[in-house]
Protein backbone atom coordinates (compact mmCIF):
# COMPACT_ATOMS: atom_id res chain seq x y z
CA MET A 1 21.65 -7.34 10.40
CA THR A 2 17.96 -6.81 11.29
CA TYR A 3 16.49 -4.89 14.44
CA PRO A 4 14.34 -7.22 16.48
CA TYR A 5 11.09 -5.32 16.64
CA ASP A 6 10.77 -4.02 13.30
CA ARG A 7 8.77 -6.98 11.38
CA GLU A 8 5.98 -6.78 13.52
CA LEU A 9 5.76 -4.10 15.83
CA PHE A 10 7.17 -1.34 12.97
CA SER A 11 5.94 -3.29 10.02
CA ARG A 12 5.44 -2.05 6.20
CA LEU A 13 1.78 -3.18 7.17
CA PHE A 14 0.47 -0.15 8.34
CA LEU A 15 3.40 1.63 7.86
CA ASN A 16 5.25 3.51 4.76
CA CYS A 17 9.04 3.43 4.20
CA SER A 18 9.73 6.74 6.05
CA GLN A 19 7.47 6.17 9.09
CA ARG A 20 8.90 2.88 9.62
CA GLN A 21 12.25 4.07 9.43
CA SER A 22 11.90 7.08 11.56
CA LEU A 23 10.37 4.77 14.26
CA VAL A 24 12.62 2.00 14.39
CA MET A 25 14.95 5.07 14.62
CA LEU A 26 13.63 7.00 17.16
CA ALA A 27 12.91 3.89 19.13
CA GLU A 28 16.57 2.94 19.17
CA HIS A 29 17.68 6.53 20.66
CA GLU A 30 14.44 7.71 22.81
CA PRO A 31 12.97 4.77 25.46
CA LEU A 32 9.22 6.79 25.18
CA THR A 33 9.06 6.49 21.48
CA HIS A 34 6.20 3.76 22.49
CA LEU A 35 3.74 6.89 23.56
CA LEU A 36 3.38 7.65 20.48
CA LEU A 37 1.54 5.07 19.44
CA GLN A 38 -2.06 6.20 20.60
CA ARG A 39 -1.97 7.60 17.49
CA CYS A 40 -2.44 3.70 16.08
CA LEU A 41 -6.55 4.19 17.12
CA ILE A 42 -7.56 5.04 13.44
CA SER A 43 -10.98 4.07 12.66
CA THR A 44 -11.93 1.80 10.27
CA ASP A 45 -14.10 4.89 8.17
CA ASP A 46 -10.84 6.52 7.76
CA ILE A 47 -9.21 3.45 6.35
CA LEU A 48 -12.29 2.71 4.10
CA ARG A 49 -12.68 6.24 3.26
CA GLN A 50 -8.86 6.70 2.02
CA ILE A 51 -8.07 3.55 0.58
CA VAL A 52 -11.14 1.86 -0.92
CA ARG A 53 -13.61 4.93 -1.72
CA GLU A 54 -10.80 7.28 -2.30
CA GLN A 55 -8.12 5.09 -3.48
CA ARG A 56 -4.91 5.93 -2.02
CA PRO A 57 -2.19 3.80 -2.19
CA LYS A 58 -1.52 2.37 0.99
CA TYR A 59 1.54 4.33 1.48
CA ALA A 60 -0.22 7.17 1.56
CA PHE A 61 -2.64 7.13 4.18
CA ASP A 62 -3.11 9.83 6.53
CA SER A 63 -3.06 8.50 10.00
CA GLY A 64 -1.19 11.63 11.73
CA LEU A 65 1.52 9.49 13.02
CA LEU A 66 4.90 11.26 14.28
CA ASP A 67 2.29 13.96 14.87
CA PRO A 68 4.56 17.11 15.66
CA GLY A 69 2.62 17.88 19.28
CA ASP A 70 3.12 13.79 20.12
CA LEU A 71 6.98 14.34 19.14
CA ALA A 72 7.43 17.39 21.53
CA ASP A 73 6.00 15.66 24.49
CA ILE A 74 8.78 13.18 24.24
CA GLY A 75 11.74 15.87 23.15
CA VAL A 76 11.75 15.25 19.72
CA VAL A 77 11.63 17.78 16.94
CA ALA A 78 11.05 16.84 13.29
CA GLU A 79 13.10 18.44 10.59
CA GLU A 80 12.38 18.31 6.51
CA THR A 81 14.84 19.82 4.08
CA THR A 82 14.86 20.27 -0.06
CA PHE A 83 17.70 20.28 -1.92
CA ASP A 84 18.35 20.81 -5.50
CA SER A 85 21.09 18.48 -5.40
CA TYR A 86 23.12 15.56 -3.20
CA ALA A 87 26.11 17.89 -3.42
CA GLU A 88 23.92 20.58 -1.78
CA ALA A 89 22.34 18.42 0.65
CA ARG A 90 25.57 16.75 1.95
CA GLY A 91 27.57 18.55 4.59
CA LEU A 92 23.76 18.86 6.35
CA LEU A 93 23.72 14.76 5.86
CA LEU A 94 27.06 14.44 7.51
CA ASP A 95 26.41 16.48 10.11
CA VAL A 96 23.41 15.15 11.60
CA VAL A 97 24.78 11.46 11.26
CA ALA A 98 27.42 12.43 13.17
CA GLU A 99 25.33 14.44 16.14
CA GLU A 100 22.05 12.46 15.75
CA GLY A 101 23.13 8.71 14.70
CA TYR A 102 21.30 8.34 11.27
CA ALA A 103 19.48 10.64 8.53
CA ILE A 104 16.49 9.49 5.70
CA LEU A 105 17.29 10.77 2.41
CA VAL A 106 14.56 10.32 -0.18
CA GLY A 107 15.59 9.11 -3.51
CA ASP A 108 14.76 6.94 -6.35
CA VAL A 109 15.06 3.13 -6.00
CA PHE A 110 16.30 3.14 -9.75
CA TYR A 111 19.59 3.47 -8.39
CA TRP A 112 19.94 0.82 -5.61
CA PRO A 113 20.74 -2.28 -6.16
CA HIS A 114 19.54 -3.81 -2.98
CA CYS A 115 16.00 -2.46 -4.26
CA PRO A 116 13.83 -4.95 -6.65
CA GLU A 117 13.12 -2.26 -9.24
CA TYR A 118 16.96 -1.72 -9.48
CA THR A 119 17.32 -0.69 -13.28
CA ARG A 120 14.10 -1.44 -14.03
CA GLN A 121 11.57 1.06 -12.50
CA HIS A 122 11.56 4.75 -10.78
CA LEU A 123 10.04 4.87 -8.00
CA THR A 124 10.40 7.31 -4.81
CA HIS A 125 11.82 5.47 -1.79
CA SER A 126 13.57 6.57 1.14
CA ILE A 127 16.73 4.95 2.96
CA LEU A 128 18.50 5.61 6.38
CA LEU A 129 22.21 6.74 6.79
CA LYS A 130 23.94 5.69 9.01
CA LYS A 131 27.59 6.05 8.90
CA TYR A 132 30.20 7.43 6.57
CA ASP A 133 33.66 5.98 5.64
CA GLU A 134 35.75 9.06 4.83
CA ASP A 135 38.56 6.42 3.52
CA THR A 136 36.14 4.53 1.17
CA ALA A 137 33.67 7.11 0.63
CA ARG A 138 30.99 4.70 1.60
CA TRP A 139 27.38 4.93 2.77
CA SER A 140 26.38 2.41 5.22
CA ILE A 141 22.74 2.40 5.32
CA VAL A 142 19.31 0.54 6.32
CA ASP A 143 16.59 -0.48 4.30
CA ASP A 144 14.28 -3.31 3.86
CA ASN A 145 15.81 -6.41 2.28
CA PRO A 146 13.55 -8.68 -0.09
CA ALA A 147 11.64 -10.05 3.32
CA SER A 148 10.63 -6.67 4.43
CA LEU A 149 13.37 -6.80 6.92
CA LEU A 150 15.86 -3.90 7.75
CA CYS A 151 19.31 -4.57 6.97
CA GLU A 152 22.95 -2.53 6.26
CA TYR A 153 23.94 -2.17 2.83
CA ALA A 154 26.70 -0.18 2.02
CA TYR A 155 27.46 1.84 -1.16
CA PRO A 156 29.71 4.22 -2.52
CA GLU A 157 29.20 7.93 -2.34
CA GLU A 158 28.14 8.23 -5.89
CA VAL A 159 25.45 5.79 -5.88
CA ILE A 160 23.40 7.81 -3.29
CA ALA A 161 23.86 10.53 -5.06
CA ALA A 162 22.61 9.42 -8.21
CA ALA A 163 19.14 8.22 -6.67
CA PHE A 164 18.83 11.44 -4.57
CA ASP A 165 19.83 13.73 -7.85
CA ASN A 166 17.65 11.63 -10.11
CA GLY A 167 14.11 11.44 -7.34
CA GLU A 168 11.18 13.39 -7.48
CA LEU A 169 11.46 14.94 -3.68
CA ARG A 170 15.32 15.14 -3.01
CA ARG A 171 14.43 15.48 0.85
CA VAL A 172 16.65 15.00 3.78
CA ARG A 173 14.76 14.24 6.97
CA TYR A 174 16.11 13.92 10.31
CA PHE A 175 15.05 14.49 14.03
CA THR A 176 16.77 16.74 16.72
CA ARG A 177 16.46 16.04 20.72
CA LYS A 178 15.96 18.41 23.50
CA ASP A 179 15.39 18.43 27.21
CA PHE A 180 11.66 16.54 28.14
CA ASP A 181 9.46 15.28 31.66
CA ALA A 182 9.08 11.79 31.09
CA SER A 183 6.45 11.97 33.85
CA GLU A 184 4.60 14.81 31.86
CA ALA A 185 5.34 13.12 28.40
CA ALA A 186 3.23 9.83 29.73
CA ALA A 187 0.17 12.22 31.24
CA ALA A 188 0.23 14.33 28.07
CA SER A 189 -0.13 10.98 25.61
CA ARG A 190 -2.67 9.97 28.11
CA ARG A 191 -4.60 13.16 27.94
CA THR A 192 -3.86 13.30 24.29
CA LEU A 193 -5.78 9.51 24.32
CA VAL A 194 -8.75 10.97 25.66
CA ARG A 195 -9.61 13.63 23.84
CA ARG A 196 -9.40 11.43 20.58
CA LEU A 197 -11.47 9.25 22.34
CA GLU A 198 -14.03 11.53 23.06
CA ARG A 199 -13.94 12.34 19.48
CA TYR A 200 -13.87 8.82 18.40
CA GLU A 201 -16.31 7.57 15.43
CA ASP A 202 -16.63 4.58 14.02
CA GLY A 203 -19.38 3.12 11.76
CA LEU A 204 -17.40 -0.22 11.37
CA THR A 205 -18.77 -0.15 7.14
CA LEU A 206 -15.29 -1.95 6.52
CA PHE A 207 -16.77 -4.89 8.34
CA THR A 208 -20.37 -4.26 7.84
CA GLY A 209 -20.48 -3.72 4.23
CA ALA A 210 -17.83 -5.91 3.58
CA ALA A 211 -20.19 -8.74 1.49
CA ASP A 212 -22.03 -6.00 -0.31
CA PHE A 213 -18.42 -4.56 -1.53
CA ILE A 214 -17.19 -7.77 -2.71
CA ALA A 215 -20.44 -8.28 -4.88
CA CYS A 216 -20.52 -4.82 -6.09
CA PRO A 217 -21.10 -5.67 -10.12
CA TRP A 218 -19.11 -1.79 -10.73
CA ILE A 219 -15.63 -2.78 -9.58
CA ALA A 220 -13.57 -5.73 -11.20
CA PRO A 221 -12.86 -8.28 -8.73
CA GLU A 222 -9.21 -8.16 -8.73
CA ARG A 223 -9.39 -4.61 -7.45
CA VAL A 224 -12.03 -5.25 -4.79
CA VAL A 225 -9.68 -7.69 -3.55
CA SER A 226 -6.24 -5.52 -3.97
CA LEU A 227 -8.37 -2.80 -1.86
CA LEU A 228 -9.55 -4.79 0.85
CA HIS A 229 -5.70 -6.17 1.32
CA ASP A 230 -4.47 -2.60 1.34
CA ALA A 231 -7.23 -1.82 3.93
CA PHE A 232 -7.40 -4.92 5.99
CA SER A 233 -3.29 -4.67 5.76
CA LEU A 234 -3.51 -1.05 7.53
CA TYR A 235 -5.98 -2.21 9.71
CA GLN A 236 -3.66 -4.77 11.63
CA GLY A 237 -0.74 -3.25 11.41
CA SER A 238 -2.13 -0.33 13.05
CA ARG A 239 -3.97 -2.71 15.80
CA THR A 240 -0.46 -4.50 16.36
CA ALA A 241 1.55 -1.23 17.28
CA LEU A 242 -2.16 0.08 19.68
CA ALA A 243 -1.50 -2.88 21.26
CA GLU A 244 2.53 -2.00 22.32
CA TYR A 245 0.58 1.35 23.69
CA VAL A 246 -1.93 -0.40 25.94
CA ARG A 247 0.32 -2.49 27.07
CA ARG A 248 3.20 -0.31 28.19
CA VAL A 249 0.28 2.63 29.03
CA LEU A 250 -2.21 1.60 29.77
CA ASP A 251 -1.68 -1.76 31.56
CA ASP A 252 -5.38 -3.17 30.64
CA PRO A 253 -4.95 -7.02 30.10
CA ARG A 254 -8.50 -7.15 28.90
CA ALA A 255 -7.91 -4.94 26.10
CA GLU A 256 -4.71 -6.66 25.20
CA ASP A 257 -6.38 -9.65 25.12
CA VAL A 258 -9.24 -8.42 22.62
CA LEU A 259 -6.38 -6.83 20.44
CA THR A 260 -4.60 -10.05 19.93
CA THR A 261 -7.78 -11.32 18.90
CA ILE A 262 -8.55 -8.55 16.42
CA THR A 263 -5.24 -9.41 15.17
CA ARG A 264 -5.61 -12.76 14.55
CA HIS A 265 -8.95 -12.49 13.04
CA SER A 266 -7.44 -9.63 10.94
CA ALA A 267 -4.80 -12.28 9.35
CA GLU A 268 -7.34 -14.66 8.74
CA VAL A 269 -9.08 -12.12 6.18
CA GLN A 270 -5.85 -11.07 4.97
CA ASN A 271 -4.98 -14.78 4.20
CA GLN A 272 -8.31 -14.94 2.50
CA LEU A 273 -7.30 -12.05 0.40
CA LEU A 274 -4.17 -13.49 -0.42
CA LEU A 275 -5.48 -17.10 -1.73
CA ALA A 276 -8.11 -14.69 -3.80
CA LYS A 277 -5.07 -13.19 -5.24
CA VAL A 278 -4.24 -16.41 -6.18
CA THR A 279 -7.02 -18.42 -7.41
CA GLY A 280 -8.99 -15.09 -8.78
CA SER A 281 -11.60 -15.97 -6.58
CA LEU A 282 -13.28 -14.66 -3.23
CA ASP A 283 -15.52 -16.38 -0.98
CA ALA A 284 -17.48 -13.76 0.26
CA GLY A 285 -18.61 -15.96 3.08
CA PRO A 286 -15.80 -16.62 5.30
CA VAL A 287 -14.55 -12.91 5.15
CA THR A 288 -18.11 -11.71 6.09
CA GLU A 289 -18.05 -13.92 9.12
CA VAL A 290 -14.57 -13.11 10.52
CA CYS A 291 -15.60 -9.00 9.41
CA HIS A 292 -18.76 -9.89 11.77
CA ARG A 293 -16.71 -11.05 14.75
CA LEU A 294 -14.24 -8.27 13.99
CA ALA A 295 -17.01 -6.02 14.31
CA GLU A 296 -17.72 -6.86 17.96
CA ALA A 297 -14.37 -7.11 19.15
CA GLU A 298 -13.76 -3.19 17.58
CA ARG A 299 -16.82 -2.16 20.08
CA GLU A 300 -15.56 -4.29 22.78
CA LEU A 301 -12.07 -2.44 22.65
CA LEU A 302 -13.21 1.17 22.31
CA HIS A 303 -15.32 0.34 25.64
CA ARG A 304 -12.20 -0.38 27.00
CA LEU A 305 -10.22 2.00 25.93
CA ARG A 306 -12.39 4.78 27.23
CA THR A 307 -12.86 2.77 30.42
CA THR A 308 -9.25 2.71 31.00
CA SER A 309 -8.08 5.63 29.85
CA GLY A 310 -10.52 7.84 31.51
CA GLU A 311 -9.78 6.09 34.88
CA ARG A 312 -5.78 6.84 34.44
CA VAL A 313 -5.72 9.95 33.64
């Protein structure tokens, strides 16, 4: 089983495993989950700082997505509890899955057969627990398949317990829901976007400085390609999700067109970087040309967002 909107809208381009699983499940239970996507307006300066200069892993990128205030506006509260063992967590897991329909468990991929790292590598990862069968003592879970599509798997409870007990974090994440006013939620989301736009700055150095970074003699070429690949992955994924917000909240066809152009151009850069990973050589010329077009499109997008959001609030 796959979710029809997980591959592009809630993709691994931008989201880490826990964020992606959270948004997919929230979207199934709450029709206004798209209001959270105004946080996908992240500056390329932030991407450059965190991914290229600080060299954070892509999964550790801090976007502000799933902000507690944003969640509260749509009647959702994020909860997280740390346990010493699966045995201690079991009661909460069963209760949450019974009441909310799912829970997110953080464990170690070494113990999950569907993961490429199974029995080979220890990595922290999260899965969705969807249903527990008392008769067979098996959990139904949701996680990525090798094609990065969310699929269902079923494992004996001891497999889930082993991954949890041997993980570094041993955390359970879940969401509870409360009553809220839908019209006020939409208005609050637009107000939040306006406040963010008032403070928003982006020097677009990720684009204008791409050629210099590619030519930098102090960083190994393969490392340059890897860092840029992560940076443009985050950029492309963020703008894909932002387009959903613009379409459903701001209703600005011109801004949608600009975002379509942006995602197409960023995909072109990604293709150049993927080719460079294979050949070991990156031609700065085509990348620089596309980056110039992206900088122009970002300036137009920011103008459209400021104009449209200001008109609607």
